[in-house]
Amino acid sequence: MTGIHPDNQVPELKDYNVYTSDPSLRRAVARGGAEWRDAELVRQGAEYGSEATLRAAEDANHYEPELHTHSATGQRIDAVKFHPAWHTMMSIARRNGIANLPFFDERPSAWTGYGASLYMHSQIESGSTCPTTMTKACIPVLRHNGALYGAVASKLAAMEHDERDVPIEQKRSIAVGMGMTEKQGGSDVRTNTTRAVPHGLGTWGSEFLITGHKWFFSAPMCDGHLVLAKTDERGSSCFFVPRWRPDGTKNAIHIQRLKDKVGNRSNSSSEVEFKEAWGVLVGEEGRGIPTIIEMATFTRLDCALSSAGFIRQALAQALHYTRNRHAFGKALVDQPVMTELLGDMALESEAATLLAMDLASHFGSTKPLDVAWRRLMTPAAKFWNCKRAVALTGEAMEVFGGNGYVETGPMGRLFREAPVNSIWEGSGNVMSLDVLRAVSRNPDDAHLVLDHLRDVASQDATLLAQTQWLRDAIQLPPEQLERQARRFTQRLVLTAQACLMLQHASPEASAAFIGSRFDPDWGPVTGISAGTTDPAALLRAAWQ
C-alpha cells in the first residue's frame, strides 16, 4: 500500500489481506499439502487485516482484564472480567481452528493449515492465542483419561467460543489451561510442593484434593487446567482441575492476583492458591512431568510459529511505513541504507516462516526423519525465532522513528509481545539444553537430521562446513558441549534455515541468506549485510 500523504504522515496499515500479501506463507501452505484450506485462509487473511479486527485487538489490550475475588455478598467467585473485544478475538481464534484443528482433522496437512492460522492471528492479537493454543495442546494429554476425554471431546472440538462461566456440563465449548510452575522453583518443577490427596474413585477416574499454589497460572478463566501436584505414593502427577466441581459448586481455586506483565496484557495470567481443589488424575500417577511435557511440546511449536508471525508483522509494518514516508527527496524505502536494512529483515522473515511452517508440517507424520526433526528442531526453532522476534520488532520500531515509540501506533504492543515467547514454555537456556538432551538421548535422530542437512547442502561449500561443525560438536564430551549449548543451537538453526532457503526460496534469496548469515560481520546489528547487491528485489518479493 503506497500513496503520499499531504503532511507526510503514514496512514495506518489496515484493510489488507494478511495471507495473500505473504508469498512465503502461501507457498508453505501449498508445500505442506494444505491447498484444501487455501480459500479459508484467504478469508481469514482478510478478517485479520480488516479495520474491525484491528480495533478489537487494540481494545482487548487497552481495556485490561479485571480480577473480582468476591461477590457483593462476600462469597468467593474468583472471576476475571474481560472487555467484549477479548471475546471477539477469542471467537475469531476458535472459529479459525486454532483451538483444535490438527487433532480433529485426520489429514497430516492439518498441521500446516493450523500453523498458517496461528501465524496470522499472532500478528494481530497475541494474548488470545495463549488459552487457545493451550486448549489445542491439552487434547492428546486428556486422552490419557478415557472417561474424562469422552465427556469433554465434543466441547474441545467445538468451533465457537463460549464465554459463560458455568460448569463444563453446561458449556458448548471449553478452554483448558496449564499450571506447572511454583514460586520456589520456576522451571525446576521437581521442586514443586503442591500436594494431592486421594479422594476416591468417580465417574472420571481417580479423584484427588489438591492443596498448594501456582506462581504462573495462565488464563484462570479457562474451564479447567492441567496441574502438576505430588502424591504421597508416587510423586509428581498430572491432574485435570476444573473451574467448577461436578456437583455444580465453585472449585477451591483462589486467584490471588493478576500478573502486571510487560506485554500480553489482554491475557489474564495469575497466581493461585488451591484449598483442597477437586481434580482427577490424568495419565499414570508419578509420571506427571512427562505427561504434561507432551503438552509443552505442542506449545513450543506455537511459540516458534507466533514469533515468526511477529517478525512478519514487523516487516510488513516497516515496509508499509517506509514506502509511504518520504525524506531527502525520496521514499524512505529507497534510501540505500534503509533498503539494506529492510532487505536483511525480509531474509529474516522468510527464514523464520520457513523454519516454523516446515516444523509444523513434520508434526503430522510418524516417518523417522519427521520424528527426529521434531525432537531436535522444536526446541531449536523456539529458541531462535523467539529471540530474533525481539530484535526484529525493535528494528521495526526504530524504522518508525519517534512515531514508533508512541502507544497510538502499532509498534509498541508488537514490541512488548515479542519477549514473552522466549520465556513461556522454557527460556533460551532451557531450549538449548533440551536440544542437547535430544541429541544425547536419541543420537540416531541427531545423525538422521544431520545427514539430511548434509544432503541438502551437498552443493554448497559453506553449508557443508556448517554441517561438519555440527557433527564434530556432538562428539564432544557432554560437559564441554553443554557450555556451548547456545552456540550449537544457533548453528543448528542457521544451518537448517539455510537449507530450507536453498530448497524453497528463490535463488537470489537463498544465496543472500547463506552469504550473509555465515559472514563474520553478520550478528547483533540487523542490516550490516543482506548478502546481496539488490536488496530491493528482496522487498518486492516479500510483499504482494
Protein backbone atom coordinates (compact mmCIF):
# COMPACT_ATOMS: atom_id res chain seq x y z
CA MET A 1 0.00 0.00 0.00
CA THR A 2 1.51 3.32 -1.08
CA GLY A 3 0.43 6.89 -1.51
CA ILE A 4 1.87 10.25 -0.48
CA HIS A 5 0.00 11.80 2.45
CA PRO A 6 -0.23 15.62 2.37
CA ASP A 7 1.66 16.02 5.66
CA ASN A 8 3.99 13.05 5.09
CA GLN A 9 2.34 11.05 7.88
CA VAL A 10 1.81 7.38 7.05
CA PRO A 11 -1.76 6.07 7.11
CA GLU A 12 -2.49 3.02 9.24
CA LEU A 13 -1.90 -0.35 7.63
CA LYS A 14 -5.44 -1.73 7.53
CA ASP A 15 -7.95 -3.48 5.32
CA TYR A 16 -5.31 -5.67 3.71
CA ASN A 17 -5.13 -9.46 3.41
CA VAL A 18 -2.57 -10.88 5.83
CA TYR A 19 -2.48 -14.17 3.88
CA THR A 20 -2.47 -13.22 0.21
CA SER A 21 0.11 -10.47 0.80
CA ASP A 22 2.57 -13.02 2.25
CA PRO A 23 4.02 -15.15 -0.58
CA SER A 24 6.28 -17.18 1.74
CA LEU A 25 3.31 -18.25 3.84
CA ARG A 26 1.15 -19.13 0.88
CA ARG A 27 3.92 -21.27 -0.65
CA ALA A 28 4.43 -23.02 2.70
CA VAL A 29 0.74 -23.91 2.83
CA ALA A 30 0.86 -25.41 -0.67
CA ARG A 31 4.11 -27.24 0.06
CA GLY A 32 2.61 -28.70 3.23
CA GLY A 33 -0.28 -30.18 1.28
CA ALA A 34 -2.90 -27.84 2.76
CA GLU A 35 -4.23 -26.41 -0.52
CA TRP A 36 -7.64 -27.64 0.63
CA ARG A 37 -7.54 -24.85 3.24
CA ASP A 38 -6.40 -22.08 0.91
CA ALA A 39 -9.82 -20.46 0.38
CA GLU A 40 -10.46 -20.50 4.13
CA LEU A 41 -7.05 -18.92 4.77
CA VAL A 42 -7.82 -16.22 2.22
CA ARG A 43 -10.99 -15.48 4.20
CA GLN A 44 -9.06 -15.46 7.46
CA GLY A 45 -6.36 -13.21 5.99
CA ALA A 46 -8.97 -10.62 5.05
CA GLU A 47 -10.55 -10.89 8.51
CA TYR A 48 -7.23 -10.43 10.31
CA GLY A 49 -6.27 -7.40 8.23
CA SER A 50 -9.66 -5.70 8.50
CA GLU A 51 -10.07 -2.50 10.45
CA ALA A 52 -12.75 -4.11 12.64
CA THR A 53 -10.37 -6.85 13.79
CA LEU A 54 -7.53 -4.37 14.32
CA ARG A 55 -9.79 -2.27 16.54
CA ALA A 56 -10.89 -5.32 18.54
CA ALA A 57 -7.25 -6.32 19.07
CA GLU A 58 -6.41 -2.80 20.19
CA ASP A 59 -9.34 -2.62 22.61
CA ALA A 60 -8.65 -6.06 24.09
CA ASN A 61 -5.21 -4.84 25.13
CA HIS A 62 -6.22 -1.32 26.16
CA TYR A 63 -9.09 -2.42 28.43
CA GLU A 64 -7.27 -4.98 30.53
CA PRO A 65 -8.78 -7.91 32.48
CA GLU A 66 -10.15 -7.14 35.94
CA LEU A 67 -10.00 -9.57 38.86
CA HIS A 68 -13.05 -9.90 41.11
CA THR A 69 -12.33 -12.24 44.02
CA HIS A 70 -15.63 -11.89 45.91
CA SER A 71 -19.28 -11.27 45.19
CA ALA A 72 -21.21 -8.37 46.69
CA THR A 73 -22.32 -10.70 49.50
CA GLY A 74 -18.77 -11.86 50.33
CA GLN A 75 -18.70 -15.20 48.52
CA ARG A 76 -15.57 -16.22 46.64
CA ILE A 77 -16.14 -16.04 42.90
CA ASP A 78 -12.54 -15.68 41.64
CA ALA A 79 -13.73 -14.28 38.34
CA VAL A 80 -11.90 -12.26 35.71
CA LYS A 81 -13.93 -9.72 33.75
CA PHE A 82 -12.93 -9.01 30.15
CA HIS A 83 -13.78 -6.29 27.67
CA PRO A 84 -16.08 -7.58 24.89
CA ALA A 85 -13.19 -7.17 22.43
CA TRP A 86 -11.36 -10.01 24.18
CA HIS A 87 -14.23 -12.35 23.46
CA THR A 88 -14.27 -11.13 19.86
CA MET A 89 -10.63 -12.18 19.45
CA MET A 90 -11.24 -15.48 21.26
CA SER A 91 -14.18 -16.15 18.94
CA ILE A 92 -12.06 -15.48 15.86
CA ALA A 93 -9.30 -17.77 17.12
CA ARG A 94 -11.74 -20.56 17.90
CA ARG A 95 -13.61 -20.23 14.62
CA ASN A 96 -10.32 -20.31 12.71
CA GLY A 97 -9.31 -23.69 14.19
CA ILE A 98 -6.51 -22.58 16.49
CA ALA A 99 -8.05 -24.42 19.46
CA ASN A 100 -8.35 -27.85 17.86
CA LEU A 101 -7.82 -28.25 14.09
CA PRO A 102 -4.87 -30.69 13.93
CA PHE A 103 -6.37 -33.08 16.49
CA PHE A 104 -9.82 -33.35 14.93
CA ASP A 105 -8.85 -33.30 11.25
CA GLU A 106 -7.07 -36.55 10.42
CA ARG A 107 -5.17 -35.16 7.43
CA PRO A 108 -1.48 -34.74 8.32
CA SER A 109 -1.55 -31.45 6.40
CA ALA A 110 -3.96 -30.08 9.03
CA TRP A 111 -0.83 -29.12 11.00
CA THR A 112 0.24 -26.88 8.14
CA GLY A 113 -3.23 -25.34 7.89
CA TYR A 114 -3.27 -24.80 11.65
CA GLY A 115 0.19 -23.24 11.58
CA ALA A 116 -0.87 -20.68 8.98
CA SER A 117 -3.87 -19.59 11.07
CA LEU A 118 -1.85 -19.21 14.27
CA TYR A 119 0.91 -17.36 12.40
CA MET A 120 -1.63 -14.82 11.15
CA HIS A 121 -3.60 -14.47 14.38
CA SER A 122 -0.42 -13.77 16.35
CA GLN A 123 0.38 -10.84 14.10
CA ILE A 124 -2.83 -9.09 15.10
CA GLU A 125 -3.56 -10.11 18.72
CA SER A 126 -1.32 -12.43 20.69
CA GLY A 127 -2.95 -12.60 24.11
CA SER A 128 -5.89 -14.66 22.88
CA THR A 129 -3.53 -17.26 21.43
CA CYS A 130 -2.43 -18.31 24.93
CA PRO A 131 -5.64 -20.02 26.17
CA THR A 132 -6.49 -21.07 22.61
CA THR A 133 -3.24 -22.89 21.84
CA MET A 134 -3.13 -24.38 25.35
CA THR A 135 -6.57 -25.84 24.67
CA LYS A 136 -5.28 -27.41 21.47
CA ALA A 137 -2.15 -28.75 23.18
CA CYS A 138 -4.09 -30.36 26.05
CA ILE A 139 -6.12 -32.61 23.76
CA PRO A 140 -3.61 -35.50 23.44
CA VAL A 141 -2.89 -35.28 27.18
CA LEU A 142 -6.57 -35.51 28.16
CA ARG A 143 -6.86 -38.63 26.01
CA HIS A 144 -4.83 -40.43 28.70
CA ASN A 145 -8.01 -40.40 30.79
CA GLY A 146 -10.62 -42.06 28.58
CA ALA A 147 -13.64 -41.32 30.75
CA LEU A 148 -12.76 -37.65 31.13
CA TYR A 149 -11.95 -37.25 27.45
CA GLY A 150 -15.20 -38.90 26.44
CA ALA A 151 -17.08 -36.29 28.45
CA VAL A 152 -15.28 -33.26 27.03
CA ALA A 153 -14.22 -34.28 23.48
CA SER A 154 -17.18 -32.65 21.73
CA LYS A 155 -16.62 -29.44 23.70
CA LEU A 156 -12.94 -29.40 22.70
CA ALA A 157 -13.88 -29.99 19.07
CA ALA A 158 -16.43 -27.17 19.01
CA MET A 159 -15.63 -24.20 16.76
CA GLU A 160 -17.39 -21.50 18.77
CA HIS A 161 -16.13 -19.63 21.81
CA ASP A 162 -18.38 -19.98 24.86
CA GLU A 163 -17.54 -17.19 27.31
CA ARG A 164 -20.01 -18.26 30.03
CA ASP A 165 -18.60 -19.08 33.46
CA VAL A 166 -20.65 -22.21 34.16
CA PRO A 167 -19.88 -25.90 34.84
CA ILE A 168 -18.40 -27.89 31.97
CA GLU A 169 -21.55 -29.93 31.52
CA GLN A 170 -23.43 -26.76 30.57
CA LYS A 171 -20.83 -25.42 28.12
CA ARG A 172 -20.95 -25.60 24.32
CA SER A 173 -17.16 -25.43 24.18
CA ILE A 174 -14.38 -25.34 26.74
CA ALA A 175 -10.88 -23.89 27.09
CA VAL A 176 -8.11 -25.62 29.03
CA GLY A 177 -5.01 -24.07 30.57
CA MET A 178 -1.94 -25.31 32.40
CA GLY A 179 -0.45 -24.85 35.88
CA MET A 180 3.13 -26.07 36.32
CA THR A 181 5.48 -23.54 37.91
CA GLU A 182 5.67 -22.51 41.56
CA LYS A 183 7.37 -19.58 43.23
CA GLN A 184 10.26 -21.56 44.71
CA GLY A 185 11.25 -23.48 41.58
CA GLY A 186 10.18 -21.86 38.33
CA SER A 187 11.38 -24.11 35.50
CA ASP A 188 12.62 -26.69 38.02
CA VAL A 189 9.21 -28.27 38.57
CA ARG A 190 10.83 -31.14 40.51
CA THR A 191 10.88 -28.76 43.49
CA ASN A 192 7.10 -28.27 43.43
CA THR A 193 5.37 -28.54 46.79
CA THR A 194 1.69 -28.67 45.81
CA ARG A 195 0.15 -31.87 47.21
CA ALA A 196 -2.68 -34.14 46.04
CA VAL A 197 -4.54 -36.41 48.47
CA PRO A 198 -6.72 -39.33 47.24
CA HIS A 199 -10.45 -38.65 47.40
CA GLY A 200 -11.97 -41.82 45.99
CA LEU A 201 -12.98 -43.09 42.57
CA GLY A 202 -15.52 -41.21 40.47
CA THR A 203 -17.01 -41.08 37.01
CA TRP A 204 -13.82 -39.58 35.56
CA GLY A 205 -11.44 -41.89 37.44
CA SER A 206 -9.22 -41.35 40.49
CA GLU A 207 -10.19 -38.19 42.35
CA PHE A 208 -7.84 -36.07 44.48
CA LEU A 209 -7.97 -32.95 46.64
CA ILE A 210 -5.15 -30.55 45.79
CA THR A 211 -3.57 -28.01 48.13
CA GLY A 212 -0.77 -25.62 47.23
CA HIS A 213 -0.08 -22.81 44.78
CA LYS A 214 0.97 -21.91 41.26
CA TRP A 215 3.08 -18.83 40.60
CA PHE A 216 2.05 -18.65 36.93
CA PHE A 217 -1.46 -19.90 36.23
CA SER A 218 -2.24 -18.58 32.80
CA ALA A 219 -5.78 -17.81 31.74
CA PRO A 220 -7.55 -18.61 35.05
CA MET A 221 -10.98 -18.31 33.40
CA CYS A 222 -10.31 -21.48 31.41
CA ASP A 223 -12.84 -24.19 32.21
CA GLY A 224 -10.11 -26.46 33.51
CA HIS A 225 -6.35 -26.69 33.92
CA LEU A 226 -3.77 -29.44 33.74
CA VAL A 227 -1.91 -29.12 37.03
CA LEU A 228 1.20 -30.74 38.48
CA ALA A 229 0.95 -31.90 42.11
CA LYS A 230 2.70 -34.54 44.22
CA THR A 231 1.02 -37.57 45.74
CA ASP A 232 2.43 -39.34 48.79
CA GLU A 233 2.57 -42.64 46.94
CA ARG A 234 4.22 -41.86 43.59
CA GLY A 235 5.32 -38.21 43.50
CA SER A 236 4.66 -35.64 40.78
CA SER A 237 1.45 -36.39 38.88
CA CYS A 238 -0.80 -34.63 36.38
CA PHE A 239 -4.38 -33.68 37.25
CA PHE A 240 -7.30 -32.08 35.46
CA VAL A 241 -8.66 -29.41 37.79
CA PRO A 242 -11.93 -27.83 36.55
CA ARG A 243 -13.19 -24.37 37.49
CA TRP A 244 -16.42 -25.94 38.73
CA ARG A 245 -16.76 -29.23 40.57
CA PRO A 246 -19.08 -31.90 39.13
CA ASP A 247 -21.62 -31.13 41.86
CA GLY A 248 -22.03 -27.61 40.45
CA THR A 249 -20.11 -25.78 43.18
CA LYS A 250 -17.15 -23.49 42.55
CA ASN A 251 -13.84 -25.33 42.86
CA ALA A 252 -11.41 -24.09 45.53
CA ILE A 253 -9.01 -22.32 43.16
CA HIS A 254 -8.42 -18.91 44.70
CA ILE A 255 -6.93 -16.26 42.40
CA GLN A 256 -4.50 -14.15 44.44
CA ARG A 257 -3.75 -11.52 41.81
CA LEU A 258 -3.29 -10.99 38.08
CA LYS A 259 0.24 -10.51 36.82
CA ASP A 260 1.16 -6.98 35.74
CA LYS A 261 3.07 -8.07 32.63
CA VAL A 262 5.30 -6.18 30.23
CA GLY A 263 3.16 -7.30 27.30
CA ASN A 264 0.45 -9.84 26.50
CA ARG A 265 -1.80 -7.58 28.53
CA SER A 266 -5.12 -8.75 27.10
CA ASN A 267 -4.48 -12.19 28.58
CA SER A 268 -5.01 -12.76 32.31
CA SER A 269 -2.05 -14.56 33.88
CA SER A 270 -2.43 -15.15 37.59
CA GLU A 271 -1.16 -16.52 40.87
CA VAL A 272 -3.49 -19.01 42.55
CA GLU A 273 -3.85 -20.99 45.76
CA PHE A 274 -5.55 -24.39 45.85
CA LYS A 275 -7.55 -25.09 49.01
CA GLU A 276 -8.39 -28.79 48.60
CA ALA A 277 -9.36 -28.16 44.98
CA TRP A 278 -11.01 -31.15 43.34
CA GLY A 279 -9.19 -32.82 40.45
CA VAL A 280 -8.87 -36.12 38.59
CA LEU A 281 -5.72 -37.99 37.63
CA VAL A 282 -4.58 -37.77 34.01
CA GLY A 283 -2.02 -40.34 32.94
CA GLU A 284 -0.01 -42.53 35.26
CA GLU A 285 0.47 -41.46 38.87
CA GLY A 286 4.07 -40.38 39.41
CA ARG A 287 4.56 -39.61 35.70
CA GLY A 288 3.14 -36.11 35.82
CA ILE A 289 6.11 -34.28 34.31
CA PRO A 290 6.39 -36.49 31.18
CA THR A 291 2.61 -36.37 30.84
CA ILE A 292 2.31 -32.59 30.89
CA ILE A 293 5.52 -32.08 28.88
CA GLU A 294 3.67 -33.66 25.96
CA MET A 295 1.51 -30.55 26.04
CA ALA A 296 4.58 -28.29 26.21
CA THR A 297 5.98 -29.84 23.02
CA PHE A 298 2.99 -28.53 21.07
CA THR A 299 3.03 -25.11 22.72
CA ARG A 300 6.72 -24.76 21.88
CA LEU A 301 5.82 -25.21 18.23
CA ASP A 302 3.23 -22.49 18.77
CA CYS A 303 5.89 -20.13 20.16
CA ALA A 304 8.02 -20.66 17.05
CA LEU A 305 5.01 -20.04 14.79
CA SER A 306 3.76 -16.95 16.59
CA SER A 307 7.26 -15.42 16.80
CA ALA A 308 7.63 -15.93 13.05
CA GLY A 309 4.33 -14.04 12.84
CA PHE A 310 5.76 -11.22 14.96
CA ILE A 311 8.74 -10.96 12.62
CA ARG A 312 6.48 -10.93 9.57
CA GLN A 313 4.26 -8.22 11.06
CA ALA A 314 7.35 -6.16 11.95
CA LEU A 315 8.50 -6.40 8.33
CA ALA A 316 5.04 -5.61 6.95
CA GLN A 317 4.70 -2.54 9.16
CA ALA A 318 8.23 -1.36 8.31
CA LEU A 319 7.68 -1.82 4.58
CA HIS A 320 4.34 -0.03 4.69
CA TYR A 321 5.83 2.84 6.63
CA THR A 322 8.94 3.32 4.51
CA ARG A 323 7.01 3.12 1.25
CA ASN A 324 4.73 5.92 2.41
CA ARG A 325 7.17 8.15 4.30
CA HIS A 326 9.49 10.49 2.37
CA ALA A 327 12.75 12.15 3.39
CA PHE A 328 15.55 13.87 1.48
CA GLY A 329 13.63 13.75 -1.78
CA LYS A 330 12.63 10.08 -1.94
CA ALA A 331 10.66 7.38 -0.13
CA LEU A 332 12.46 6.00 2.90
CA VAL A 333 12.39 2.52 1.37
CA ASP A 334 14.58 3.81 -1.48
CA GLN A 335 17.27 5.25 0.76
CA PRO A 336 20.22 2.84 0.31
CA VAL A 337 20.93 2.16 3.98
CA MET A 338 17.20 1.62 4.66
CA THR A 339 16.91 -0.68 1.65
CA GLU A 340 19.78 -2.74 3.02
CA LEU A 341 18.18 -2.94 6.46
CA LEU A 342 14.77 -3.92 5.11
CA GLY A 343 16.34 -6.48 2.79
CA ASP A 344 18.02 -8.10 5.78
CA MET A 345 14.69 -8.09 7.65
CA ALA A 346 12.98 -9.68 4.65
CA LEU A 347 15.51 -12.52 4.67
CA GLU A 348 15.00 -12.97 8.40
CA SER A 349 11.23 -13.09 7.99
CA GLU A 350 11.28 -15.60 5.16
CA ALA A 351 13.70 -17.87 7.01
CA ALA A 352 11.67 -17.68 10.24
CA THR A 353 8.47 -18.50 8.34
CA LEU A 354 10.12 -21.41 6.56
CA LEU A 355 11.53 -22.79 9.81
CA ALA A 356 8.22 -22.60 11.71
CA MET A 357 5.89 -23.75 8.93
CA ASP A 358 8.23 -26.58 7.92
CA LEU A 359 8.38 -27.69 11.55
CA ALA A 360 4.57 -27.69 11.72
CA SER A 361 4.42 -29.93 8.63
CA HIS A 362 6.59 -32.54 10.40
CA PHE A 363 4.03 -32.88 13.22
CA GLY A 364 1.57 -34.82 11.12
CA SER A 365 3.93 -37.70 10.32
CA THR A 366 5.48 -40.74 12.01
CA LYS A 367 8.27 -41.14 9.45
CA PRO A 368 11.68 -41.47 11.16
CA LEU A 369 13.07 -38.22 9.74
CA ASP A 370 9.93 -36.29 10.73
CA VAL A 371 10.07 -37.64 14.28
CA ALA A 372 13.78 -36.85 14.52
CA TRP A 373 13.25 -33.36 13.11
CA ARG A 374 10.53 -32.63 15.68
CA ARG A 375 12.70 -33.75 18.58
CA LEU A 376 15.68 -31.60 17.66
CA MET A 377 14.13 -28.68 15.86
CA THR A 378 11.13 -27.90 18.10
CA PRO A 379 13.26 -26.51 20.95
CA ALA A 380 15.78 -25.10 18.47
CA ALA A 381 13.14 -23.25 16.44
CA LYS A 382 11.50 -21.91 19.59
CA PHE A 383 14.91 -20.72 20.85
CA TRP A 384 15.81 -18.93 17.63
CA ASN A 385 12.55 -17.48 16.31
CA CYS A 386 11.61 -16.12 19.73
CA LYS A 387 14.95 -14.39 20.20
CA ARG A 388 15.01 -12.98 16.68
CA ALA A 389 11.49 -11.62 17.13
CA VAL A 390 12.71 -9.41 19.98
CA ALA A 391 15.47 -7.98 17.78
CA LEU A 392 13.36 -7.54 14.66
CA THR A 393 10.39 -5.87 16.37
CA GLY A 394 12.89 -3.46 17.91
CA GLU A 395 14.38 -2.70 14.50
CA ALA A 396 10.92 -2.10 13.04
CA MET A 397 10.08 0.29 15.86
CA GLU A 398 13.27 2.20 15.08
CA VAL A 399 12.28 2.40 11.40
CA PHE A 400 9.25 4.43 12.51
CA GLY A 401 11.46 6.80 14.48
CA GLY A 402 9.55 8.68 17.16
CA ASN A 403 6.28 7.55 15.59
CA GLY A 404 7.19 4.01 16.59
CA TYR A 405 7.60 4.88 20.24
CA VAL A 406 4.08 6.13 20.91
CA GLU A 407 1.22 3.97 22.06
CA THR A 408 -1.15 5.24 19.38
CA GLY A 409 0.91 3.39 16.75
CA PRO A 410 1.21 -0.36 16.15
CA MET A 411 4.81 -0.96 17.21
CA GLY A 412 4.68 -0.57 20.98
CA ARG A 413 2.34 -3.51 21.53
CA LEU A 414 4.14 -5.70 18.98
CA PHE A 415 7.50 -4.96 20.63
CA ARG A 416 6.16 -5.78 24.11
CA GLU A 417 4.62 -9.02 22.91
CA ALA A 418 7.84 -10.40 21.47
CA PRO A 419 9.83 -11.31 24.64
CA VAL A 420 7.14 -13.47 26.21
CA ASN A 421 7.60 -16.35 23.77
CA SER A 422 11.26 -16.60 24.76
CA ILE A 423 10.19 -17.09 28.37
CA TRP A 424 6.99 -19.16 28.23
CA GLU A 425 7.41 -22.91 27.75
CA GLY A 426 11.13 -22.67 28.58
CA SER A 427 13.72 -19.91 28.35
CA GLY A 428 16.61 -19.82 25.89
CA ASN A 429 18.90 -21.79 28.17
CA VAL A 430 16.23 -24.45 28.74
CA MET A 431 15.60 -24.74 24.99
CA SER A 432 19.27 -25.07 24.06
CA LEU A 433 19.79 -27.67 26.79
CA ASP A 434 16.72 -29.54 25.51
CA VAL A 435 18.34 -29.65 22.06
CA LEU A 436 21.43 -31.25 23.61
CA ARG A 437 19.23 -33.60 25.62
CA ALA A 438 17.52 -34.72 22.41
CA VAL A 439 20.94 -35.34 20.84
CA SER A 440 22.20 -37.40 23.80
CA ARG A 441 19.01 -39.42 24.29
CA ASN A 442 18.38 -40.07 20.61
CA PRO A 443 21.77 -40.00 18.84
CA ASP A 444 20.32 -41.81 15.83
CA ASP A 445 17.83 -38.95 15.43
CA ALA A 446 20.64 -36.41 15.53
CA HIS A 447 22.55 -38.26 12.83
CA LEU A 448 19.39 -38.59 10.74
CA VAL A 449 18.81 -34.82 10.86
CA LEU A 450 22.46 -34.00 10.16
CA ASP A 451 22.57 -36.49 7.29
CA HIS A 452 19.54 -34.79 5.78
CA LEU A 453 21.11 -31.34 6.16
CA ARG A 454 24.35 -32.60 4.61
CA ASP A 455 22.46 -33.98 1.62
CA VAL A 456 20.66 -30.69 1.05
CA ALA A 457 23.89 -28.74 1.49
CA SER A 458 25.96 -31.03 -0.75
CA GLN A 459 26.40 -28.41 -3.49
CA ASP A 460 27.32 -25.53 -1.17
CA ALA A 461 30.73 -25.50 0.47
CA THR A 462 29.71 -23.01 3.17
CA LEU A 463 26.78 -25.11 4.32
CA LEU A 464 28.78 -28.32 4.16
CA ALA A 465 31.28 -26.77 6.54
CA GLN A 466 28.44 -25.93 8.95
CA THR A 467 27.09 -29.48 8.91
CA GLN A 468 30.58 -30.80 9.62
CA TRP A 469 30.95 -28.41 12.55
CA LEU A 470 27.69 -29.75 13.97
CA ARG A 471 28.87 -33.35 13.51
CA ASP A 472 32.13 -32.60 15.28
CA ALA A 473 30.32 -30.82 18.11
CA ILE A 474 28.08 -33.75 19.05
CA GLN A 475 31.21 -35.84 19.57
CA LEU A 476 32.46 -33.51 22.31
CA PRO A 477 32.32 -34.62 25.97
CA PRO A 478 28.88 -33.69 27.39
CA GLU A 479 30.23 -31.16 29.90
CA GLN A 480 32.16 -29.36 27.15
CA LEU A 481 29.22 -29.33 24.75
CA GLU A 482 26.87 -28.05 27.46
CA ARG A 483 28.90 -24.86 27.79
CA GLN A 484 28.37 -24.35 24.06
CA ALA A 485 24.65 -25.16 24.15
CA ARG A 486 23.56 -21.79 22.79
CA ARG A 487 26.25 -21.72 20.11
CA PHE A 488 25.37 -25.24 18.99
CA THR A 489 21.65 -24.41 18.85
CA GLN A 490 22.29 -21.23 16.86
CA ARG A 491 24.48 -23.11 14.37
CA LEU A 492 21.90 -25.87 14.04
CA VAL A 493 19.07 -23.41 13.37
CA LEU A 494 21.01 -21.24 10.93
CA THR A 495 22.12 -24.33 9.01
CA ALA A 496 18.55 -25.66 8.92
CA GLN A 497 17.20 -22.28 7.80
CA ALA A 498 19.87 -22.03 5.09
CA CYS A 499 18.99 -25.49 3.82
CA LEU A 500 15.28 -24.63 3.79
CA MET A 501 16.04 -21.43 1.90
CA LEU A 502 18.15 -23.42 -0.56
CA GLN A 503 15.24 -25.81 -1.11
CA HIS A 504 12.29 -23.43 -1.16
CA ALA A 505 13.30 -19.78 -1.56
CA SER A 506 14.32 -18.03 -4.76
CA PRO A 507 17.96 -18.49 -5.85
CA GLU A 508 18.56 -14.80 -5.09
CA ALA A 509 17.11 -15.03 -1.57
CA SER A 510 18.85 -18.30 -0.67
CA ALA A 511 22.21 -17.00 -1.93
CA ALA A 512 21.71 -13.79 0.05
CA PHE A 513 20.83 -15.70 3.22
CA ILE A 514 23.80 -18.05 3.02
CA GLY A 515 26.11 -15.21 2.02
CA SER A 516 25.09 -13.09 4.99
CA ARG A 517 24.30 -15.45 7.87
CA PHE A 518 27.69 -17.10 7.79
CA ASP A 519 29.52 -13.81 7.19
CA PRO A 520 31.62 -12.92 10.28
CA ASP A 521 30.16 -9.39 10.15
CA TRP A 522 26.58 -10.61 10.46
CA GLY A 523 25.33 -10.52 14.01
CA PRO A 524 23.51 -8.37 16.52
CA VAL A 525 23.06 -5.32 14.27
CA THR A 526 20.48 -6.04 11.58
CA GLY A 527 21.27 -4.61 8.16
CA ILE A 528 25.06 -4.94 8.28
CA SER A 529 24.92 -7.40 5.41
CA ALA A 530 21.93 -8.59 3.43
CA GLY A 531 24.23 -10.75 1.32
CA THR A 532 23.01 -9.33 -1.98
CA THR A 533 23.74 -6.50 -4.38
CA ASP A 534 20.00 -5.93 -4.93
CA PRO A 535 18.16 -5.84 -1.58
CA ALA A 536 15.25 -4.00 -3.22
CA ALA A 537 14.47 -7.19 -5.13
CA LEU A 538 14.01 -9.00 -1.81
CA LEU A 539 11.48 -6.38 -0.75
CA ARG A 540 9.49 -6.62 -3.96
CA ALA A 541 9.23 -10.37 -3.43
CA ALA A 542 8.32 -10.09 0.25
CA TRP A 543 5.03 -8.20 -0.14
CA GLN A 544 2.41 -8.87 -2.77
